[in-house]
PDB file of N, CA and C in Angstrom:
ATOM      1  N   UNK A   1     152.453  44.257 172.385  1.00  0.00           N
ATOM      2  CA  UNK A   1     153.226  45.335 172.099  1.00  0.00           C
ATOM      3  C   UNK A   1     153.773  45.820 173.472  1.00  0.00           C
ATOM      4  N   UNK A   2     155.308  45.779 173.297  1.00  0.00           N
ATOM      5  CA  UNK A   2     155.466  47.055 174.540  1.00  0.00           C
ATOM      6  C   UNK A   2     154.987  48.396 175.176  1.00  0.00           C
ATOM      7  N   UNK A   3     155.015  48.509 176.403  1.00  0.00           N
ATOM      8  CA  UNK A   3     154.785  49.507 176.972  1.00  0.00           C
ATOM      9  C   UNK A   3     155.710  50.910 176.526  1.00  0.00           C
ATOM     10  N   UNK A   4     154.753  51.746 176.135  1.00  0.00           N
ATOM     11  CA  UNK A   4     155.359  53.290 175.363  1.00  0.00           C
ATOM     12  C   UNK A   4     156.105  53.791 176.836  1.00  0.00           C
ATOM     13  N   UNK A   5     156.792  54.581 176.342  1.00  0.00           N
ATOM     14  CA  UNK A   5     157.764  55.235 177.519  1.00  0.00           C
ATOM     15  C   UNK A   5     157.128  56.895 176.955  1.00  0.00           C
ATOM     16  N   UNK A   6     156.765  57.584 178.365  1.00  0.00           N
ATOM     17  CA  UNK A   6     156.532  58.436 178.584  1.00  0.00           C
ATOM     18  C   UNK A   6     157.494  60.028 178.511  1.00  0.00           C
ATOM     19  N   UNK A   7     157.239  60.904 178.381  1.00  0.00           N
ATOM     20  CA  UNK A   7     158.341  62.254 178.032  1.00  0.00           C
ATOM     21  C   UNK A   7     157.551  63.483 177.994  1.00  0.00           C
ATOM     22  N   UNK A   8     158.249  64.533 178.923  1.00  0.00           N
ATOM     23  CA  UNK A   8     157.774  65.425 178.187  1.00  0.00           C
ATOM     24  C   UNK A   8     158.530  66.087 177.098  1.00  0.00           C
ATOM     25  N   UNK A   9     157.631  66.976 176.356  1.00  0.00           N
ATOM     26  CA  UNK A   9     157.966  67.605 174.652  1.00  0.00           C
ATOM     27  C   UNK A   9     157.616  69.469 175.007  1.00  0.00           C
ATOM     28  N   UNK A  10     158.627  69.859 175.131  1.00  0.00           N
ATOM     29  CA  UNK A  10     158.503  71.305 174.999  1.00  0.00           C
ATOM     30  C   UNK A  10     158.684  71.532 173.395  1.00  0.00           C
ATOM     31  N   UNK A  11     158.004  72.531 172.918  1.00  0.00           N
ATOM     32  CA  UNK A  11     157.618  72.248 171.526  1.00  0.00           C
ATOM     33  C   UNK A  11     157.018  73.928 170.979  1.00  0.00           C
ATOM     34  N   UNK A  12     157.437  75.032 170.308  1.00  0.00           N
ATOM     35  CA  UNK A  12     157.423  75.543 169.811  1.00  0.00           C
ATOM     36  C   UNK A  12     155.660  76.272 170.116  1.00  0.00           C
ATOM     37  N   UNK A  13     154.752  76.781 169.881  1.00  0.00           N
ATOM     38  CA  UNK A  13     153.664  77.311 169.948  1.00  0.00           C
ATOM     39  C   UNK A  13     153.015  77.097 168.434  1.00  0.00           C
ATOM     40  N   UNK A  14     153.820  77.841 167.354  1.00  0.00           N
ATOM     41  CA  UNK A  14     153.308  77.861 166.312  1.00  0.00           C
ATOM     42  C   UNK A  14     154.220  76.303 165.269  1.00  0.00           C
ATOM     43  N   UNK A  15     155.099  75.503 165.783  1.00  0.00           N
ATOM     44  CA  UNK A  15     155.358  73.780 165.596  1.00  0.00           C
ATOM     45  C   UNK A  15     154.071  73.583 165.341  1.00  0.00           C
ATOM     46  N   UNK A  16     153.673  73.434 167.102  1.00  0.00           N
ATOM     47  CA  UNK A  16     152.641  72.582 167.414  1.00  0.00           C
ATOM     48  C   UNK A  16     151.587  72.952 167.030  1.00  0.00           C
ATOM     49  N   UNK A  17     151.343  74.129 166.264  1.00  0.00           N
ATOM     50  CA  UNK A  17     149.697  73.769 165.305  1.00  0.00           C
ATOM     51  C   UNK A  17     150.497  73.552 164.025  1.00  0.00           C
ATOM     52  N   UNK A  18     151.269  73.552 163.440  1.00  0.00           N
ATOM     53  CA  UNK A  18     151.185  72.885 162.043  1.00  0.00           C
ATOM     54  C   UNK A  18     151.002  71.666 162.894  1.00  0.00           C
ATOM     55  N   UNK A  19     152.090  71.098 163.208  1.00  0.00           N
ATOM     56  CA  UNK A  19     152.297  69.611 163.821  1.00  0.00           C
ATOM     57  C   UNK A  19     150.225  69.018 164.003  1.00  0.00           C
ATOM     58  N   UNK A  20     149.269  69.928 164.733  1.00  0.00           N
ATOM     59  CA  UNK A  20     148.147  69.489 165.028  1.00  0.00           C
ATOM     60  C   UNK A  20     147.236  69.491 163.384  1.00  0.00           C
ATOM     61  N   UNK A  21     147.318  70.432 163.035  1.00  0.00           N
ATOM     62  CA  UNK A  21     146.944  70.515 161.486  1.00  0.00           C
ATOM     63  C   UNK A  21     147.045  69.042 160.535  1.00  0.00           C
ATOM     64  N   UNK A  22     148.775  69.225 160.511  1.00  0.00           N
ATOM     65  CA  UNK A  22     149.020  68.078 159.513  1.00  0.00           C
ATOM     66  C   UNK A  22     148.430  66.568 160.234  1.00  0.00           C
ATOM     67  N   UNK A  23     148.827  66.440 161.459  1.00  0.00           N
ATOM     68  CA  UNK A  23     148.141  65.045 161.970  1.00  0.00           C
ATOM     69  C   UNK A  23     146.480  64.889 161.743  1.00  0.00           C
ATOM     70  N   UNK A  24     145.603  66.047 161.970  1.00  0.00           N
ATOM     71  CA  UNK A  24     144.014  66.057 161.143  1.00  0.00           C
ATOM     72  C   UNK A  24     144.517  65.891 160.194  1.00  0.00           C
ATOM     73  N   UNK A  25     144.922  66.297 159.190  1.00  0.00           N
ATOM     74  CA  UNK A  25     144.890  65.908 157.911  1.00  0.00           C
ATOM     75  C   UNK A  25     144.848  64.716 157.708  1.00  0.00           C
ATOM     76  N   UNK A  26     145.927  63.683 158.307  1.00  0.00           N
ATOM     77  CA  UNK A  26     146.397  62.056 158.639  1.00  0.00           C
ATOM     78  C   UNK A  26     145.626  61.802 159.479  1.00  0.00           C
ATOM     79  N   UNK A  27     144.305  62.033 160.127  1.00  0.00           N
ATOM     80  CA  UNK A  27     143.793  61.119 160.738  1.00  0.00           C
ATOM     81  C   UNK A  27     144.458  60.670 161.920  1.00  0.00           C
ATOM     82  N   UNK A  28     145.251  61.422 162.388  1.00  0.00           N
ATOM     83  CA  UNK A  28     146.367  60.843 163.428  1.00  0.00           C
ATOM     84  C   UNK A  28     145.910  61.885 165.327  1.00  0.00           C
ATOM     85  N   UNK A  29     146.379  61.579 166.042  1.00  0.00           N
ATOM     86  CA  UNK A  29     146.333  62.180 166.777  1.00  0.00           C
ATOM     87  C   UNK A  29     147.779  62.771 166.892  1.00  0.00           C
ATOM     88  N   UNK A  30     147.991  64.078 167.867  1.00  0.00           N
ATOM     89  CA  UNK A  30     149.881  64.546 167.669  1.00  0.00           C
ATOM     90  C   UNK A  30     150.374  63.767 168.263  1.00  0.00           C
ATOM     91  N   UNK A  31     150.326  63.906 169.040  1.00  0.00           N
ATOM     92  CA  UNK A  31     151.033  62.522 169.445  1.00  0.00           C
ATOM     93  C   UNK A  31     151.610  60.903 168.696  1.00  0.00           C
ATOM     94  N   UNK A  32     150.521  60.723 168.059  1.00  0.00           N
ATOM     95  CA  UNK A  32     150.395  59.545 167.337  1.00  0.00           C
ATOM     96  C   UNK A  32     151.393  59.787 165.491  1.00  0.00           C
ATOM     97  N   UNK A  33     151.362  60.920 165.173  1.00  0.00           N
ATOM     98  CA  UNK A  33     151.410  61.602 164.318  1.00  0.00           C
ATOM     99  C   UNK A  33     153.460  61.810 164.584  1.00  0.00           C
ATOM    100  N   UNK A  34     153.308  62.820 166.075  1.00  0.00           N
ATOM    101  CA  UNK A  34     155.014  62.615 166.189  1.00  0.00           C
ATOM    102  C   UNK A  34     155.741  62.038 166.050  1.00  0.00           C
ATOM    103  N   UNK A  35     154.778  60.857 167.022  1.00  0.00           N
ATOM    104  CA  UNK A  35     155.981  59.190 166.418  1.00  0.00           C
ATOM    105  C   UNK A  35     156.131  58.710 165.388  1.00  0.00           C
ATOM    106  N   UNK A  36     155.216  58.798 164.461  1.00  0.00           N
ATOM    107  CA  UNK A  36     155.035  58.652 163.153  1.00  0.00           C
ATOM    108  C   UNK A  36     156.414  59.238 162.226  1.00  0.00           C
ATOM    109  N   UNK A  37     156.346  60.429 162.769  1.00  0.00           N
ATOM    110  CA  UNK A  37     157.357  61.121 161.831  1.00  0.00           C
ATOM    111  C   UNK A  37     158.987  61.107 162.526  1.00  0.00           C
ATOM    112  N   UNK A  38     158.998  60.355 163.748  1.00  0.00           N
ATOM    113  CA  UNK A  38     160.202  60.113 164.574  1.00  0.00           C
ATOM    114  C   UNK A  38     160.614  58.786 163.941  1.00  0.00           C
ATOM    115  N   UNK A  39     159.539  57.734 163.619  1.00  0.00           N
ATOM    116  CA  UNK A  39     159.885  56.852 163.036  1.00  0.00           C
ATOM    117  C   UNK A  39     160.169  56.223 161.681  1.00  0.00           C
ATOM    118  N   UNK A  40     159.992  57.444 161.347  1.00  0.00           N
ATOM    119  CA  UNK A  40     160.056  57.410 159.408  1.00  0.00           C
ATOM    120  C   UNK A  40     161.522  58.033 159.680  1.00  0.00           C
ATOM    121  N   UNK A  41     162.017  58.978 160.260  1.00  0.00           N
ATOM    122  CA  UNK A  41     163.278  59.264 160.585  1.00  0.00           C
ATOM    123  C   UNK A  41     163.976  58.460 160.770  1.00  0.00           C
ATOM    124  N   UNK A  42     164.129  57.878 161.511  1.00  0.00           N
ATOM    125  CA  UNK A  42     164.997  56.752 162.017  1.00  0.00           C
ATOM    126  C   UNK A  42     164.791  55.760 161.012  1.00  0.00           C
ATOM    127  N   UNK A  43     163.819  55.509 160.447  1.00  0.00           N
ATOM    128  CA  UNK A  43     164.040  54.198 159.157  1.00  0.00           C
ATOM    129  C   UNK A  43     164.768  54.895 158.305  1.00  0.00           C
ATOM    130  N   UNK A  44     164.465  56.017 158.051  1.00  0.00           N
ATOM    131  CA  UNK A  44     165.459  56.369 156.476  1.00  0.00           C
ATOM    132  C   UNK A  44     166.709  56.947 156.731  1.00  0.00           C
ATOM    133  N   UNK A  45     166.930  57.074 158.139  1.00  0.00           N
ATOM    134  CA  UNK A  45     168.611  57.017 158.535  1.00  0.00           C
ATOM    135  C   UNK A  45     169.922  56.026 158.640  1.00  0.00           C
ATOM    136  N   UNK A  46     168.564  54.752 158.763  1.00  0.00           N
ATOM    137  CA  UNK A  46     169.262  53.160 159.444  1.00  0.00           C
ATOM    138  C   UNK A  46     169.265  53.145 160.403  1.00  0.00           C
ATOM    139  N   UNK A  47     168.555  53.956 161.321  1.00  0.00           N
ATOM    140  CA  UNK A  47     168.851  53.747 163.033  1.00  0.00           C
ATOM    141  C   UNK A  47     167.998  52.743 163.858  1.00  0.00           C
ATOM    142  N   UNK A  48     167.140  52.384 162.872  1.00  0.00           N
ATOM    143  CA  UNK A  48     165.839  51.433 163.618  1.00  0.00           C
ATOM    144  C   UNK A  48     166.432  49.606 163.501  1.00  0.00           C
ATOM    145  N   UNK A  49     166.633  49.722 164.510  1.00  0.00           N
ATOM    146  CA  UNK A  49     166.866  47.638 164.112  1.00  0.00           C
ATOM    147  C   UNK A  49     165.911  46.590 163.071  1.00  0.00           C
ATOM    148  N   UNK A  50     166.166  46.144 163.080  1.00  0.00           N
ATOM    149  CA  UNK A  50     165.677  45.268 161.509  1.00  0.00           C
ATOM    150  C   UNK A  50     163.998  45.165 162.039  1.00  0.00           C
ATOM    151  N   UNK A  51     164.421  44.447 162.850  1.00  0.00           N
ATOM    152  CA  UNK A  51     162.908  44.505 163.486  1.00  0.00           C
ATOM    153  C   UNK A  51     161.612  45.113 163.525  1.00  0.00           C
ATOM    154  N   UNK A  52     161.861  46.267 164.276  1.00  0.00           N
ATOM    155  CA  UNK A  52     161.570  47.643 163.795  1.00  0.00           C
ATOM    156  C   UNK A  52     161.050  47.858 163.000  1.00  0.00           C
ATOM    157  N   UNK A  53     162.351  48.465 161.966  1.00  0.00           N
ATOM    158  CA  UNK A  53     161.971  48.929 160.165  1.00  0.00           C
ATOM    159  C   UNK A  53     160.578  48.467 159.916  1.00  0.00           C
ATOM    160  N   UNK A  54     160.527  46.609 159.593  1.00  0.00           N
ATOM    161  CA  UNK A  54     159.981  45.605 159.458  1.00  0.00           C
ATOM    162  C   UNK A  54     158.377  45.935 159.894  1.00  0.00           C
ATOM    163  N   UNK A  55     158.005  46.373 161.269  1.00  0.00           N
ATOM    164  CA  UNK A  55     157.081  46.389 161.671  1.00  0.00           C
ATOM    165  C   UNK A  55     156.216  48.542 162.234  1.00  0.00           C
ATOM    166  N   UNK A  56     157.406  49.044 161.170  1.00  0.00           N
ATOM    167  CA  UNK A  56     156.305  50.460 161.226  1.00  0.00           C
ATOM    168  C   UNK A  56     155.003  50.045 160.301  1.00  0.00           C
ATOM    169  N   UNK A  57     154.085  51.074 161.110  1.00  0.00           N
ATOM    170  CA  UNK A  57     152.734  51.397 160.216  1.00  0.00           C
ATOM    171  C   UNK A  57     152.243  49.657 160.606  1.00  0.00           C
ATOM    172  N   UNK A  58     152.814  48.462 161.440  1.00  0.00           N
ATOM    173  CA  UNK A  58     152.023  47.898 161.657  1.00  0.00           C
ATOM    174  C   UNK A  58     150.684  47.881 163.113  1.00  0.00           C
ATOM    175  N   UNK A  59     151.148  48.810 164.226  1.00  0.00           N
ATOM    176  CA  UNK A  59     150.623  48.949 165.089  1.00  0.00           C
ATOM    177  C   UNK A  59     148.918  49.894 164.550  1.00  0.00           C
TER     178      UNK A  59
END
C-alpha cells in the first residue's frame, strides 16, 4: 500500500463531535472514517481512477 499523505485539517468542533460519534458507531477512528467518507463521495462523483474505485473498502 502506498504511503498516506498527512495534512492539517481545521474543522468545526461540533462537526468533529458528530464525526467522532459516527466513527464510533462504525468501529472506526475519526481519521479512517473521514477518509472513508471522502472516498465514497469521490466514488459517487466518478472522480476516482478505476483501480482505486475497485479497491475501496479492501484496506
